[in-house]
Amino acid sequence: AFDAMDNIGIDLSDKIPLLMKKMENPDTRNKGNRLAAAERIIRLQPSNRKVIDILTELLRSRAGANDHHTIEILAIAGPHAKQAIQVIRSFLNHKNSEMREVAEKAIKAISPQ
């Protein structure tokens, strides 16, 4: 629903507190839903330090299944996610080539040269 509203130009900035609540709630049924909320916040507010901090810590914990999506969200934040570069770099040596590729793309998005 958020994507559809965003696509037709409806300002969703006032929904950030609701999305933050969903993202921070440990009772949210799965990490995918929490990451979806984080992604929407970053798309609306790429400089949201709290979300970037949480995503960076998730990567540090090596949660596994959601690392790919977490790195993609940090890439969306671009230069605002510079603090995550070191953690993302650790994925350049990942056994999975897709993880290495998404890490490389994220680093380029966060630190364009």
N, C-alpha and C. Protein backbone atom coordinates (compact mmCIF):
# COMPACT_ATOMS: atom_id res chain seq x y z
N ALA A 1 0.82 -1.19 0.00
CA ALA A 1 0.00 0.00 0.00
C ALA A 1 0.87 1.26 0.00
N PHE A 2 1.95 1.22 0.82
CA PHE A 2 2.83 2.39 0.87
C PHE A 2 3.47 2.64 -0.49
N ASP A 3 3.88 1.59 -1.17
CA ASP A 3 4.49 1.75 -2.49
C ASP A 3 3.53 2.40 -3.46
N ALA A 4 2.28 1.94 -3.46
CA ALA A 4 1.29 2.49 -4.37
C ALA A 4 1.06 3.98 -4.10
N MET A 5 0.93 4.34 -2.82
CA MET A 5 0.72 5.75 -2.48
C MET A 5 1.94 6.59 -2.86
N ASP A 6 3.11 6.04 -2.61
CA ASP A 6 4.34 6.75 -2.95
C ASP A 6 4.44 6.96 -4.46
N ASN A 7 4.07 5.95 -5.22
CA ASN A 7 4.15 6.02 -6.68
C ASN A 7 3.24 7.08 -7.29
N ILE A 8 2.15 7.39 -6.62
CA ILE A 8 1.25 8.42 -7.15
C ILE A 8 1.48 9.78 -6.50
N GLY A 9 2.55 9.87 -5.73
CA GLY A 9 2.96 11.17 -5.21
C GLY A 9 2.35 11.58 -3.88
N ILE A 10 1.78 10.66 -3.14
CA ILE A 10 1.23 11.00 -1.83
C ILE A 10 2.38 11.06 -0.83
N ASP A 11 2.46 12.17 -0.09
CA ASP A 11 3.52 12.34 0.90
C ASP A 11 3.27 11.43 2.09
N LEU A 12 4.23 10.57 2.35
CA LEU A 12 4.09 9.60 3.43
C LEU A 12 4.96 9.91 4.63
N SER A 13 5.56 11.09 4.66
CA SER A 13 6.47 11.45 5.74
C SER A 13 5.82 11.35 7.11
N ASP A 14 4.53 11.63 7.18
CA ASP A 14 3.85 11.56 8.47
C ASP A 14 3.67 10.12 8.96
N LYS A 15 3.98 9.15 8.12
CA LYS A 15 3.85 7.73 8.51
C LYS A 15 5.13 7.18 9.15
N ILE A 16 6.19 7.99 9.17
CA ILE A 16 7.46 7.51 9.71
C ILE A 16 7.32 7.03 11.16
N PRO A 17 6.64 7.75 12.05
CA PRO A 17 6.51 7.24 13.43
C PRO A 17 5.83 5.86 13.49
N LEU A 18 4.82 5.65 12.67
CA LEU A 18 4.14 4.35 12.63
C LEU A 18 5.09 3.27 12.12
N LEU A 19 5.84 3.57 11.09
CA LEU A 19 6.80 2.61 10.55
C LEU A 19 7.92 2.32 11.55
N MET A 20 8.37 3.35 12.27
CA MET A 20 9.41 3.14 13.30
C MET A 20 8.90 2.19 14.37
N LYS A 21 7.66 2.39 14.77
CA LYS A 21 7.07 1.53 15.80
C LYS A 21 7.04 0.07 15.32
N LYS A 22 6.66 -0.12 14.06
CA LYS A 22 6.61 -1.47 13.50
C LYS A 22 8.01 -2.08 13.41
N MET A 23 8.96 -1.27 13.00
CA MET A 23 10.32 -1.77 12.83
C MET A 23 10.96 -2.13 14.17
N GLU A 24 10.70 -1.34 15.20
CA GLU A 24 11.34 -1.55 16.50
C GLU A 24 10.63 -2.59 17.35
N ASN A 25 9.43 -2.96 16.98
CA ASN A 25 8.64 -3.88 17.79
C ASN A 25 9.14 -5.32 17.65
N PRO A 26 9.68 -5.90 18.72
CA PRO A 26 10.16 -7.28 18.63
C PRO A 26 9.02 -8.29 18.41
N ASP A 27 7.79 -7.85 18.62
CA ASP A 27 6.65 -8.74 18.40
C ASP A 27 6.22 -8.79 16.94
N THR A 28 6.80 -7.92 16.11
CA THR A 28 6.49 -8.00 14.68
C THR A 28 6.84 -9.40 14.23
N ARG A 29 5.92 -10.05 13.55
CA ARG A 29 5.99 -11.49 13.31
C ARG A 29 7.28 -12.01 12.68
N ASN A 30 7.83 -11.27 11.77
CA ASN A 30 9.09 -11.77 11.21
C ASN A 30 10.00 -10.61 10.84
N LYS A 31 11.28 -10.94 10.70
CA LYS A 31 12.27 -9.91 10.40
C LYS A 31 12.01 -9.27 9.04
N GLY A 32 11.41 -10.02 8.13
CA GLY A 32 11.10 -9.47 6.81
C GLY A 32 10.16 -8.28 6.91
N ASN A 33 9.16 -8.37 7.79
CA ASN A 33 8.24 -7.25 7.99
C ASN A 33 8.96 -6.06 8.61
N ARG A 34 9.86 -6.33 9.53
CA ARG A 34 10.63 -5.25 10.16
C ARG A 34 11.54 -4.59 9.13
N LEU A 35 12.15 -5.39 8.27
CA LEU A 35 13.01 -4.83 7.23
C LEU A 35 12.20 -4.04 6.20
N ALA A 36 11.00 -4.49 5.91
CA ALA A 36 10.13 -3.76 4.98
C ALA A 36 9.83 -2.37 5.54
N ALA A 37 9.57 -2.30 6.84
CA ALA A 37 9.33 -1.01 7.48
C ALA A 37 10.59 -0.15 7.43
N ALA A 38 11.75 -0.76 7.71
CA ALA A 38 13.02 -0.03 7.65
C ALA A 38 13.28 0.52 6.25
N GLU A 39 13.01 -0.30 5.24
CA GLU A 39 13.21 0.15 3.87
C GLU A 39 12.33 1.34 3.53
N ARG A 40 11.08 1.27 3.92
CA ARG A 40 10.16 2.38 3.63
C ARG A 40 10.63 3.65 4.32
N ILE A 41 11.10 3.54 5.57
CA ILE A 41 11.59 4.72 6.28
C ILE A 41 12.79 5.31 5.54
N ILE A 42 13.74 4.46 5.15
CA ILE A 42 14.94 4.94 4.46
C ILE A 42 14.59 5.57 3.12
N ARG A 43 13.60 5.03 2.43
CA ARG A 43 13.18 5.64 1.16
C ARG A 43 12.58 7.03 1.39
N LEU A 44 11.89 7.19 2.52
CA LEU A 44 11.28 8.48 2.85
C LEU A 44 12.28 9.45 3.47
N GLN A 45 13.20 8.87 4.25
CA GLN A 45 14.12 9.69 5.04
C GLN A 45 15.49 9.00 5.09
N PRO A 46 16.27 9.11 4.01
CA PRO A 46 17.53 8.37 3.92
C PRO A 46 18.54 8.70 5.01
N SER A 47 18.37 9.81 5.69
CA SER A 47 19.32 10.19 6.74
C SER A 47 18.89 9.72 8.13
N ASN A 48 17.88 8.88 8.21
CA ASN A 48 17.38 8.45 9.52
C ASN A 48 18.44 7.62 10.25
N ARG A 49 19.14 8.28 11.16
CA ARG A 49 20.27 7.68 11.87
C ARG A 49 19.86 6.45 12.68
N LYS A 50 18.70 6.51 13.30
CA LYS A 50 18.26 5.39 14.14
C LYS A 50 18.11 4.12 13.31
N VAL A 51 17.49 4.23 12.15
CA VAL A 51 17.29 3.06 11.28
C VAL A 51 18.65 2.56 10.77
N ILE A 52 19.51 3.48 10.38
CA ILE A 52 20.84 3.09 9.88
C ILE A 52 21.61 2.37 10.99
N ASP A 53 21.52 2.87 12.21
CA ASP A 53 22.20 2.21 13.34
C ASP A 53 21.68 0.79 13.55
N ILE A 54 20.37 0.64 13.52
CA ILE A 54 19.76 -0.68 13.73
C ILE A 54 20.17 -1.64 12.62
N LEU A 55 20.13 -1.19 11.38
CA LEU A 55 20.52 -2.05 10.25
C LEU A 55 22.00 -2.43 10.32
N THR A 56 22.83 -1.48 10.71
CA THR A 56 24.26 -1.77 10.84
C THR A 56 24.50 -2.84 11.91
N GLU A 57 23.80 -2.72 13.02
CA GLU A 57 23.94 -3.72 14.09
C GLU A 57 23.42 -5.08 13.65
N LEU A 58 22.34 -5.09 12.87
CA LEU A 58 21.84 -6.36 12.34
C LEU A 58 22.91 -7.05 11.50
N LEU A 59 23.59 -6.28 10.67
CA LEU A 59 24.66 -6.86 9.85
C LEU A 59 25.82 -7.36 10.71
N ARG A 60 26.15 -6.60 11.74
CA ARG A 60 27.24 -7.01 12.64
C ARG A 60 26.93 -8.35 13.29
N SER A 61 25.66 -8.58 13.57
CA SER A 61 25.26 -9.83 14.25
C SER A 61 25.25 -11.02 13.30
N ARG A 62 25.40 -10.74 12.00
CA ARG A 62 25.40 -11.80 10.99
C ARG A 62 24.15 -12.68 11.12
N ALA A 63 23.00 -12.02 11.07
CA ALA A 63 21.72 -12.71 11.22
C ALA A 63 21.49 -13.73 10.12
N GLY A 64 22.12 -13.55 8.98
CA GLY A 64 22.04 -14.57 7.93
C GLY A 64 21.03 -14.28 6.84
N ALA A 65 19.87 -14.86 6.96
CA ALA A 65 18.88 -14.86 5.90
C ALA A 65 18.51 -13.46 5.39
N ASN A 66 18.59 -12.46 6.24
CA ASN A 66 18.17 -11.12 5.83
C ASN A 66 19.32 -10.17 5.54
N ASP A 67 20.55 -10.66 5.58
CA ASP A 67 21.70 -9.78 5.35
C ASP A 67 21.66 -9.11 3.98
N HIS A 68 21.26 -9.86 2.97
CA HIS A 68 21.18 -9.33 1.60
C HIS A 68 20.27 -8.11 1.55
N HIS A 69 19.07 -8.26 2.09
CA HIS A 69 18.09 -7.17 2.09
C HIS A 69 18.58 -6.00 2.94
N THR A 70 19.20 -6.30 4.07
CA THR A 70 19.71 -5.26 4.96
C THR A 70 20.76 -4.41 4.23
N ILE A 71 21.66 -5.06 3.51
CA ILE A 71 22.69 -4.33 2.76
C ILE A 71 22.04 -3.49 1.67
N GLU A 72 21.03 -4.02 1.00
CA GLU A 72 20.34 -3.25 -0.05
C GLU A 72 19.69 -1.98 0.53
N ILE A 73 19.12 -2.10 1.71
CA ILE A 73 18.48 -0.93 2.34
C ILE A 73 19.54 0.12 2.69
N LEU A 74 20.66 -0.33 3.22
CA LEU A 74 21.74 0.62 3.53
C LEU A 74 22.24 1.31 2.27
N ALA A 75 22.26 0.59 1.15
CA ALA A 75 22.67 1.20 -0.12
C ALA A 75 21.70 2.31 -0.52
N ILE A 76 20.43 2.11 -0.25
CA ILE A 76 19.42 3.14 -0.56
C ILE A 76 19.71 4.42 0.22
N ALA A 77 20.21 4.28 1.44
CA ALA A 77 20.53 5.44 2.27
C ALA A 77 21.73 6.21 1.70
N GLY A 78 22.50 5.55 0.84
CA GLY A 78 23.63 6.21 0.20
C GLY A 78 24.65 6.71 1.21
N PRO A 79 25.21 7.90 0.98
CA PRO A 79 26.27 8.43 1.85
C PRO A 79 25.87 8.56 3.32
N HIS A 80 24.58 8.58 3.61
CA HIS A 80 24.14 8.65 5.01
C HIS A 80 24.52 7.40 5.79
N ALA A 81 24.82 6.32 5.09
CA ALA A 81 25.13 5.04 5.74
C ALA A 81 26.63 4.75 5.80
N LYS A 82 27.44 5.79 5.75
CA LYS A 82 28.89 5.59 5.75
C LYS A 82 29.38 4.77 6.94
N GLN A 83 28.71 4.88 8.07
CA GLN A 83 29.13 4.13 9.26
C GLN A 83 29.05 2.62 9.04
N ALA A 84 28.29 2.18 8.05
CA ALA A 84 28.09 0.74 7.81
C ALA A 84 29.14 0.16 6.84
N ILE A 85 29.95 1.02 6.25
CA ILE A 85 30.91 0.56 5.24
C ILE A 85 31.79 -0.58 5.73
N GLN A 86 32.36 -0.44 6.90
CA GLN A 86 33.27 -1.48 7.41
C GLN A 86 32.57 -2.83 7.52
N VAL A 87 31.35 -2.82 8.02
CA VAL A 87 30.60 -4.07 8.17
C VAL A 87 30.24 -4.62 6.79
N ILE A 88 29.83 -3.76 5.88
CA ILE A 88 29.48 -4.21 4.54
C ILE A 88 30.72 -4.79 3.83
N ARG A 89 31.87 -4.17 4.05
CA ARG A 89 33.11 -4.68 3.43
C ARG A 89 33.39 -6.13 3.84
N SER A 90 32.99 -6.50 5.04
CA SER A 90 33.23 -7.88 5.49
C SER A 90 32.48 -8.89 4.63
N PHE A 91 31.47 -8.43 3.89
CA PHE A 91 30.71 -9.32 3.02
C PHE A 91 31.37 -9.48 1.64
N LEU A 92 32.43 -8.73 1.37
CA LEU A 92 33.13 -8.86 0.09
C LEU A 92 33.83 -10.21 -0.03
N ASN A 93 34.03 -10.88 1.10
CA ASN A 93 34.67 -12.20 1.11
C ASN A 93 33.67 -13.31 1.41
N HIS A 94 32.40 -13.02 1.32
CA HIS A 94 31.36 -14.00 1.61
C HIS A 94 31.44 -15.17 0.63
N LYS A 95 31.07 -16.35 1.08
CA LYS A 95 31.13 -17.53 0.21
C LYS A 95 30.11 -17.45 -0.93
N ASN A 96 29.04 -16.69 -0.75
CA ASN A 96 27.98 -16.56 -1.74
C ASN A 96 28.29 -15.38 -2.67
N SER A 97 28.35 -15.64 -3.96
CA SER A 97 28.70 -14.58 -4.92
C SER A 97 27.66 -13.46 -4.95
N GLU A 98 26.39 -13.78 -4.73
CA GLU A 98 25.36 -12.74 -4.70
C GLU A 98 25.57 -11.78 -3.54
N MET A 99 26.01 -12.33 -2.40
CA MET A 99 26.29 -11.47 -1.24
C MET A 99 27.47 -10.56 -1.53
N ARG A 100 28.49 -11.11 -2.17
CA ARG A 100 29.65 -10.28 -2.53
C ARG A 100 29.23 -9.16 -3.48
N GLU A 101 28.38 -9.50 -4.44
CA GLU A 101 27.93 -8.53 -5.42
C GLU A 101 27.09 -7.42 -4.79
N VAL A 102 26.16 -7.78 -3.91
CA VAL A 102 25.32 -6.77 -3.28
C VAL A 102 26.16 -5.88 -2.36
N ALA A 103 27.17 -6.46 -1.72
CA ALA A 103 28.06 -5.66 -0.87
C ALA A 103 28.85 -4.65 -1.72
N GLU A 104 29.34 -5.11 -2.84
CA GLU A 104 30.10 -4.23 -3.74
C GLU A 104 29.23 -3.07 -4.24
N LYS A 105 28.01 -3.38 -4.65
CA LYS A 105 27.09 -2.33 -5.12
C LYS A 105 26.76 -1.34 -4.01
N ALA A 106 26.57 -1.86 -2.80
CA ALA A 106 26.24 -0.98 -1.67
C ALA A 106 27.41 -0.04 -1.36
N ILE A 107 28.61 -0.55 -1.38
CA ILE A 107 29.78 0.28 -1.11
C ILE A 107 29.87 1.40 -2.14
N LYS A 108 29.60 1.08 -3.40
CA LYS A 108 29.63 2.11 -4.44
C LYS A 108 28.53 3.15 -4.23
N ALA A 109 27.37 2.72 -3.76
CA ALA A 109 26.26 3.65 -3.52
C ALA A 109 26.52 4.54 -2.30
N ILE A 110 27.20 3.98 -1.31
CA ILE A 110 27.45 4.72 -0.08
C ILE A 110 28.67 5.64 -0.21
N SER A 111 29.68 5.16 -0.91
CA SER A 111 30.92 5.93 -1.12
C SER A 111 31.24 6.04 -2.59
N PRO A 112 30.44 6.80 -3.33
CA PRO A 112 30.72 6.91 -4.77
C PRO A 112 32.05 7.60 -5.01
N GLN A 113 32.75 7.14 -6.04
CA GLN A 113 34.07 7.73 -6.33
C GLN A 113 34.06 8.47 -7.64
